[in-house]
Amino acid sequence: MKPGTLLIHNGHESDPATGALGTPVFQSSTFDQGDLSQAREFDYARSGNPTRKVLEETIATLEGGVRGYAFGSGIAAIASVLGIFSAGDHIIAAEDIYGGSYRLLNTFYKRWGLEHTAVDTADPENIRRALRPNTKAVFLETPSNPLLKITDLRSCIAAAKEAGLLTIVDNTFMTPLFQRPIELGADIVVHSATKFLGGHSDVISGLAVSASEELGRRIYTVQNGFGAVPGPWDVWLVIRGIKTLKARLEAQEKTAGFLSRKLRGNPQVAAVYYPGLEGHPGKAVHDSQASGAGAVFSFKTKTEEQALRFLGKVKYAAAAVSLGGVETIASYPVRMSHASIPPAERERLGITGSLIRISAGLEDPEDLIEDFEEALA
């Protein structure tokens, strides 16, 4: 089955009890246990919910994993996965991960004694150089946020396996439609389902998938004990969003390619970052591990003032946090997604005041580029 078909035909085409094509919303916090001599699957909704089960089984199937878990947000999914480690453990993380992940590692988990080293994962040797006796895992994100840097998943996963480490991959930008890290050897995949999987800027949700039952049990222990779970209505919105992912993401990818090529030739633009562009660093690697370039790109204007003026003038893109909705979103990473990273570190990574991140929506691309060019002028 092709990935696009799997989005619809993944074992949850209809409700087995009624035949309904829409997944029922079980808006219940608790479940009648009946005869207590026989254990029932559901008892309390923090521990499990029939609607949530559909989403969790769906994402596990789509990613080619064994077990899936839903959370109240993408960062809750990442925090819960990191919760399987202990104080004194060490994690190697990509240096240009999502700003929320950076904040989580450098504040919350740092206080609890979880150590980490940030490295440029574009070179797998940096992983080997960062190894310590207490290293337990490698945390990767590709393409990275917001500069779309490419990490060779196969090489980095191989380096991790040589050292007996787990590999965690944030697959939010690509989704399982375009990239499946578990098939490349990853142990855990995480998503902000708020983004492309939900797809309509109307829900906050996160997902995690394990490649083994043993890892799945460890994640479930945190999910159930920590309790950062979504409500059934939010879960239902993500289930619905997944069904239209192919139509949305393929159209948005075309628009992202069109816009990035046009902006590359704009005299007000200093640089464009998009894996679909010829000459993008790591493009060949990306093409070998993903089936699409995605719908997110970023560009730098020649000055910070131009970037701020663009965000104030653009009409057909919301100047907002987040990405992956049906509307085009223009984000300003230094004040939004990566504001928690110290300025000197942002500067070193290339996340400057002239950088704008674009999540292409479903508007007509000709209208978008006319609007962008006017705002830049």
Protein backbone atom coordinates (compact mmCIF):
# COMPACT_ATOMS: atom_id res chain seq x y z
CA MET A 1 0.00 0.00 0.00
CA LYS A 2 1.28 3.46 -0.90
CA PRO A 3 1.58 5.96 1.99
CA GLY A 4 -1.30 8.07 0.69
CA THR A 5 -3.64 5.08 0.75
CA LEU A 6 -2.40 4.07 4.19
CA LEU A 7 -3.58 7.42 5.56
CA ILE A 8 -7.15 6.24 4.88
CA HIS A 9 -6.87 2.44 5.02
CA ASN A 10 -4.93 1.72 8.20
CA GLY A 11 -7.29 -0.59 10.06
CA HIS A 12 -9.62 2.15 11.24
CA GLU A 13 -11.75 2.76 8.16
CA SER A 14 -14.97 2.41 10.17
CA ASP A 15 -16.19 1.92 13.72
CA PRO A 16 -16.52 -1.85 14.36
CA ALA A 17 -19.54 -1.39 16.63
CA THR A 18 -21.69 0.76 14.33
CA GLY A 19 -20.01 0.88 10.91
CA ALA A 20 -19.66 4.67 11.18
CA LEU A 21 -16.99 6.03 8.84
CA GLY A 22 -16.17 8.72 11.38
CA THR A 23 -14.39 7.68 14.57
CA PRO A 24 -16.72 8.08 17.58
CA VAL A 25 -15.72 10.64 20.23
CA PHE A 26 -15.81 8.90 23.61
CA GLN A 27 -16.20 11.96 25.82
CA SER A 28 -15.89 10.05 29.08
CA SER A 29 -13.43 10.31 31.94
CA THR A 30 -14.20 6.87 33.38
CA PHE A 31 -15.61 3.50 32.30
CA ASP A 32 -17.95 1.04 34.00
CA GLN A 33 -15.91 -1.97 35.10
CA GLY A 34 -18.91 -4.31 35.43
CA ASP A 35 -17.78 -7.71 36.66
CA LEU A 36 -14.49 -6.94 38.42
CA SER A 37 -13.35 -10.54 38.01
CA GLN A 38 -12.74 -9.76 34.34
CA ALA A 39 -10.42 -6.88 33.47
CA ARG A 40 -11.68 -4.46 30.85
CA GLU A 41 -9.45 -2.55 28.44
CA PHE A 42 -10.50 0.93 29.59
CA ASP A 43 -10.92 2.11 33.16
CA TYR A 44 -9.82 5.78 33.44
CA ALA A 45 -9.31 8.08 30.46
CA ARG A 46 -5.81 9.20 31.47
CA SER A 47 -4.74 5.57 31.08
CA GLY A 48 -6.60 4.99 27.84
CA ASN A 49 -9.57 6.11 25.76
CA PRO A 50 -11.16 4.37 22.73
CA THR A 51 -10.87 7.48 20.55
CA ARG A 52 -7.25 7.98 21.55
CA LYS A 53 -6.54 4.31 20.82
CA VAL A 54 -7.58 4.84 17.17
CA LEU A 55 -5.11 7.73 16.77
CA GLU A 56 -2.32 5.88 18.56
CA GLU A 57 -2.73 2.77 16.43
CA THR A 58 -2.99 4.89 13.28
CA ILE A 59 0.27 6.79 13.84
CA ALA A 60 2.08 3.55 14.73
CA THR A 61 0.92 2.03 11.44
CA LEU A 62 1.83 5.12 9.40
CA GLU A 63 5.35 5.29 10.89
CA GLY A 64 5.94 1.56 10.62
CA GLY A 65 6.32 1.27 14.38
CA VAL A 66 4.94 -1.08 17.01
CA ARG A 67 3.21 1.23 19.49
CA GLY A 68 1.91 4.79 19.26
CA TYR A 69 1.12 7.31 22.01
CA ALA A 70 -0.83 10.58 21.97
CA PHE A 71 -0.07 13.61 24.13
CA GLY A 72 -1.52 17.02 24.86
CA SER A 73 1.11 18.82 22.72
CA GLY A 74 4.21 18.15 20.66
CA ILE A 75 6.47 19.30 23.48
CA ALA A 76 4.55 17.02 25.87
CA ALA A 77 5.37 14.13 23.55
CA ILE A 78 9.07 15.06 23.53
CA ALA A 79 9.13 15.63 27.29
CA SER A 80 7.47 12.28 27.91
CA VAL A 81 9.91 10.44 25.63
CA LEU A 82 12.82 12.11 27.43
CA GLY A 83 11.13 11.00 30.64
CA ILE A 84 12.19 7.39 29.98
CA PHE A 85 15.75 8.43 30.89
CA SER A 86 17.18 8.95 34.37
CA ALA A 87 19.13 11.61 36.24
CA GLY A 88 22.79 11.26 35.28
CA ASP A 89 22.06 9.99 31.78
CA HIS A 90 23.51 11.88 28.82
CA ILE A 91 21.85 12.65 25.48
CA ILE A 92 23.46 13.91 22.28
CA ALA A 93 21.12 16.33 20.47
CA ALA A 94 21.25 18.14 17.16
CA GLU A 95 22.34 21.71 17.81
CA ASP A 96 19.59 23.26 15.70
CA ILE A 97 16.53 21.46 17.03
CA TYR A 98 13.19 23.19 17.62
CA GLY A 99 13.52 25.95 20.21
CA GLY A 100 11.02 24.29 22.54
CA SER A 101 13.13 21.12 22.58
CA TYR A 102 16.23 23.22 23.29
CA ARG A 103 14.44 24.92 26.20
CA LEU A 104 13.25 21.58 27.57
CA LEU A 105 16.77 20.12 27.60
CA ASN A 106 18.43 23.26 28.95
CA THR A 107 15.98 24.11 31.72
CA PHE A 108 13.49 21.51 32.91
CA TYR A 109 15.51 18.33 32.37
CA LYS A 110 18.83 19.98 33.15
CA ARG A 111 17.48 20.75 36.63
CA TRP A 112 16.59 17.08 37.02
CA GLY A 113 20.10 15.95 36.13
CA LEU A 114 19.63 14.83 32.52
CA GLU A 115 22.80 15.91 30.69
CA HIS A 116 23.03 16.73 27.01
CA THR A 117 25.54 17.85 24.40
CA ALA A 118 24.51 19.75 21.27
CA VAL A 119 26.40 18.89 18.08
CA ASP A 120 26.15 19.54 14.36
CA THR A 121 24.60 16.26 13.23
CA ALA A 122 25.29 17.06 9.56
CA ASP A 123 28.57 15.24 10.33
CA PRO A 124 27.93 11.86 12.05
CA GLU A 125 31.48 11.93 13.41
CA ASN A 126 30.35 14.67 15.78
CA ILE A 127 28.12 12.09 17.46
CA ARG A 128 31.05 9.76 17.99
CA ARG A 129 33.18 12.60 19.36
CA ALA A 130 30.46 13.56 21.86
CA LEU A 131 30.09 10.08 23.35
CA ARG A 132 30.40 9.66 27.10
CA PRO A 133 30.17 6.54 29.29
CA ASN A 134 26.68 7.66 30.39
CA THR A 135 25.34 8.51 26.89
CA LYS A 136 21.98 6.83 26.29
CA ALA A 137 20.45 8.39 23.18
CA VAL A 138 20.76 10.66 20.16
CA PHE A 139 18.00 13.19 19.41
CA LEU A 140 17.73 14.23 15.75
CA GLU A 141 15.57 16.52 13.64
CA THR A 142 15.73 16.69 9.85
CA PRO A 143 15.11 18.97 8.08
CA SER A 144 15.93 21.19 11.02
CA ASN A 145 13.89 24.11 12.27
CA PRO A 146 14.23 26.86 11.03
CA LEU A 147 17.16 26.62 8.58
CA LEU A 148 16.19 23.28 7.02
CA LYS A 149 19.60 21.71 7.65
CA ILE A 150 19.80 18.08 6.61
CA THR A 151 20.97 15.23 8.82
CA ASP A 152 21.89 11.89 7.27
CA LEU A 153 19.60 9.63 9.29
CA ARG A 154 21.16 6.38 8.16
CA SER A 155 24.69 7.47 9.10
CA CYS A 156 23.69 9.00 12.42
CA ILE A 157 21.54 6.02 13.38
CA ALA A 158 24.46 3.72 12.50
CA ALA A 159 26.78 5.77 14.72
CA ALA A 160 24.24 5.54 17.54
CA LYS A 161 23.80 1.78 17.15
CA GLU A 162 27.57 1.25 17.20
CA ALA A 163 27.58 2.80 20.67
CA GLY A 164 24.43 1.00 21.82
CA LEU A 165 22.35 4.19 21.91
CA LEU A 166 18.70 4.84 21.19
CA THR A 167 17.82 7.21 18.35
CA ILE A 168 14.90 9.64 18.64
CA VAL A 169 13.79 11.57 15.54
CA ASP A 170 11.45 14.56 15.40
CA ASN A 171 9.55 13.97 12.14
CA THR A 172 7.15 16.92 12.38
CA PHE A 173 8.20 18.70 9.17
CA MET A 174 8.13 15.64 6.91
CA THR A 175 5.31 13.58 8.46
CA PRO A 176 5.16 9.83 7.70
CA LEU A 177 3.86 10.71 4.23
CA PHE A 178 7.32 11.94 3.20
CA GLN A 179 9.75 10.35 5.68
CA ARG A 180 9.69 7.26 7.93
CA PRO A 181 12.70 7.23 10.27
CA ILE A 182 11.83 3.87 11.86
CA GLU A 183 12.31 2.22 8.45
CA LEU A 184 15.81 3.76 8.50
CA GLY A 185 16.54 2.25 11.93
CA ALA A 186 15.29 4.89 14.40
CA ASP A 187 13.93 3.66 17.74
CA ILE A 188 11.44 6.45 18.52
CA VAL A 189 9.70 9.05 16.35
CA VAL A 190 7.98 12.14 17.76
CA HIS A 191 5.58 14.63 16.17
CA SER A 192 3.93 17.88 16.93
CA ALA A 193 0.55 16.76 15.58
CA THR A 194 -0.50 20.40 15.94
CA LYS A 195 1.26 20.98 12.64
CA PHE A 196 0.68 19.05 9.40
CA LEU A 197 -1.04 16.01 10.89
CA GLY A 198 -3.80 18.14 12.43
CA GLY A 199 -3.37 20.55 9.58
CA HIS A 200 -5.96 23.25 10.33
CA SER A 201 -4.46 25.40 13.12
CA ASP A 202 -7.26 24.31 15.45
CA VAL A 203 -5.75 21.70 17.77
CA ILE A 204 -2.70 21.20 20.01
CA SER A 205 -1.46 17.61 20.09
CA GLY A 206 1.68 15.46 20.08
CA LEU A 207 2.52 11.89 19.12
CA ALA A 208 5.27 9.37 19.75
CA VAL A 209 5.92 6.01 18.10
CA SER A 210 8.20 3.24 19.35
CA ALA A 211 9.90 0.64 17.19
CA SER A 212 9.66 -2.04 19.90
CA GLU A 213 7.25 -3.24 22.56
CA GLU A 214 9.86 -2.77 25.27
CA LEU A 215 10.34 0.92 24.42
CA GLY A 216 6.59 1.25 24.08
CA ARG A 217 6.07 0.04 27.63
CA ARG A 218 8.60 2.58 28.91
CA ILE A 219 6.87 5.43 27.08
CA TYR A 220 3.44 4.29 28.29
CA THR A 221 4.67 4.30 31.89
CA VAL A 222 5.51 7.99 31.50
CA GLN A 223 2.34 8.79 29.54
CA ASN A 224 0.13 7.19 32.17
CA GLY A 225 2.13 8.41 35.17
CA PHE A 226 2.83 11.95 33.97
CA GLY A 227 -0.62 12.30 32.41
CA ALA A 228 0.09 14.80 29.62
CA VAL A 229 -2.65 13.29 27.46
CA PRO A 230 -5.07 14.92 24.99
CA GLY A 231 -8.85 15.00 25.29
CA PRO A 232 -10.93 12.88 22.89
CA TRP A 233 -12.16 15.85 20.86
CA ASP A 234 -8.59 17.01 20.16
CA VAL A 235 -7.72 13.43 19.25
CA TRP A 236 -10.65 13.30 16.83
CA LEU A 237 -9.47 16.48 15.09
CA VAL A 238 -6.04 14.93 14.48
CA ILE A 239 -7.63 11.70 13.17
CA ARG A 240 -9.64 13.76 10.71
CA GLY A 241 -6.62 15.84 9.73
CA ILE A 242 -4.54 12.76 8.93
CA LYS A 243 -7.11 11.63 6.37
CA THR A 244 -6.52 14.74 4.24
CA LEU A 245 -2.75 14.95 4.76
CA LYS A 246 -1.81 13.77 1.26
CA ALA A 247 -4.00 16.30 -0.53
CA ARG A 248 -2.86 19.16 1.71
CA LEU A 249 0.85 18.44 1.98
CA GLU A 250 1.43 17.69 -1.70
CA ALA A 251 -0.28 20.94 -2.71
CA GLN A 252 1.58 22.89 -0.03
CA GLU A 253 4.89 21.37 -1.14
CA LYS A 254 4.32 22.61 -4.69
CA THR A 255 3.60 26.09 -3.38
CA ALA A 256 6.70 26.05 -1.16
CA GLY A 257 8.83 25.10 -4.15
CA PHE A 258 7.28 27.82 -6.30
CA LEU A 259 7.72 30.52 -3.67
CA SER A 260 11.27 29.54 -2.74
CA ARG A 261 12.40 29.59 -6.38
CA LYS A 262 10.81 32.99 -6.98
CA LEU A 263 12.26 34.47 -3.78
CA ARG A 264 15.70 33.15 -4.62
CA GLY A 265 15.80 35.65 -7.49
CA ASN A 266 14.37 38.57 -5.53
CA PRO A 267 16.90 41.42 -5.06
CA GLN A 268 15.68 42.01 -1.47
CA VAL A 269 16.41 38.39 -0.47
CA ALA A 270 19.89 37.36 0.67
CA ALA A 271 19.35 33.59 0.98
CA VAL A 272 16.65 30.92 0.71
CA TYR A 273 16.69 27.59 2.59
CA TYR A 274 14.59 24.74 1.19
CA PRO A 275 15.50 21.08 0.51
CA GLY A 276 13.67 21.22 -2.81
CA LEU A 277 16.07 23.80 -4.25
CA GLU A 278 19.09 22.75 -6.27
CA GLY A 279 22.21 23.61 -4.34
CA HIS A 280 20.61 23.30 -0.91
CA PRO A 281 23.26 21.73 1.37
CA GLY A 282 22.43 18.07 1.95
CA LYS A 283 19.79 17.89 -0.79
CA ALA A 284 21.10 14.58 -2.12
CA VAL A 285 20.99 13.08 1.37
CA HIS A 286 17.49 14.40 1.92
CA ASP A 287 16.29 12.97 -1.40
CA SER A 288 17.72 9.57 -0.42
CA GLN A 289 15.74 9.38 2.84
CA ALA A 290 12.57 11.36 2.11
CA SER A 291 10.06 11.32 -0.74
CA GLY A 292 9.29 15.04 -0.65
CA ALA A 293 10.81 18.40 0.26
CA GLY A 294 7.97 19.47 2.54
CA ALA A 295 6.01 22.70 2.82
CA VAL A 296 8.34 24.74 5.04
CA PHE A 297 11.16 27.00 3.85
CA SER A 298 12.92 30.03 5.23
CA PHE A 299 14.64 33.06 3.76
CA LYS A 300 16.79 35.96 4.87
CA THR A 301 16.26 39.52 3.82
CA LYS A 302 19.30 41.75 3.47
CA THR A 303 18.54 43.60 6.70
CA GLU A 304 16.56 42.99 9.89
CA GLU A 305 14.46 46.07 9.12
CA GLN A 306 13.36 44.53 5.82
CA ALA A 307 12.26 41.35 7.60
CA LEU A 308 10.18 43.26 10.13
CA ARG A 309 8.67 45.40 7.38
CA PHE A 310 7.76 42.27 5.39
CA LEU A 311 5.96 40.76 8.39
CA GLY A 312 4.03 43.97 8.89
CA LYS A 313 3.04 44.37 5.24
CA VAL A 314 2.26 40.83 4.03
CA LYS A 315 -1.51 40.25 3.56
CA TYR A 316 -1.92 36.60 2.60
CA ALA A 317 0.31 35.13 5.32
CA ALA A 318 -0.36 35.28 9.03
CA ALA A 319 2.59 36.60 11.04
CA ALA A 320 2.23 33.92 13.68
CA VAL A 321 3.73 31.11 15.68
CA SER A 322 3.35 27.52 14.39
CA LEU A 323 3.12 25.96 10.94
CA GLY A 324 1.36 23.25 8.95
CA GLY A 325 -2.10 24.83 8.69
CA VAL A 326 -4.16 25.41 5.57
CA GLU A 327 -3.20 29.09 5.69
CA THR A 328 0.29 30.36 4.91
CA ILE A 329 2.14 31.35 8.08
CA ALA A 330 5.17 33.65 8.23
CA SER A 331 7.09 33.14 11.46
CA TYR A 332 9.89 35.20 12.97
CA PRO A 333 12.11 32.63 14.73
CA VAL A 334 14.20 35.04 16.84
CA ARG A 335 11.04 36.22 18.62
CA MET A 336 8.87 33.12 18.24
CA SER A 337 9.97 29.49 17.91
CA HIS A 338 13.60 30.09 18.94
CA ALA A 339 13.26 33.02 21.34
CA SER A 340 14.37 30.81 24.25
CA ILE A 341 17.80 30.22 22.66
CA PRO A 342 20.43 32.72 23.90
CA PRO A 343 21.12 35.45 21.29
CA ALA A 344 24.79 34.52 20.88
CA GLU A 345 23.89 30.90 20.23
CA ARG A 346 21.16 31.89 17.77
CA GLU A 347 23.66 34.08 15.93
CA ARG A 348 26.17 31.23 15.77
CA LEU A 349 23.53 28.94 14.30
CA GLY A 350 22.47 31.53 11.71
CA ILE A 351 19.09 32.27 13.28
CA THR A 352 19.26 36.03 12.84
CA GLY A 353 16.88 38.97 12.86
CA SER A 354 16.67 38.87 9.08
CA LEU A 355 15.36 35.27 9.01
CA ILE A 356 11.71 34.52 8.17
CA ARG A 357 10.23 31.01 8.17
CA ILE A 358 7.35 30.28 5.82
CA SER A 359 4.85 27.44 6.10
CA ALA A 360 3.09 27.33 2.74
CA GLY A 361 -0.68 27.05 2.86
CA LEU A 362 -3.36 26.26 0.30
CA GLU A 363 -3.76 29.73 -1.20
CA ASP A 364 -3.07 30.26 -4.90
CA PRO A 365 0.73 30.51 -5.22
CA GLU A 366 0.47 33.36 -7.74
CA ASP A 367 -1.42 35.46 -5.20
CA LEU A 368 1.13 34.61 -2.53
CA ILE A 369 4.20 35.56 -4.56
CA GLU A 370 2.61 38.85 -5.67
CA ASP A 371 1.86 39.63 -2.04
CA PHE A 372 5.37 38.62 -0.91
CA GLU A 373 7.06 40.71 -3.58
CA GLU A 374 4.96 43.76 -2.69
CA ALA A 375 5.74 43.33 1.01
CA LEU A 376 9.46 43.02 0.26
CA ALA A 377 9.40 46.08 -1.96
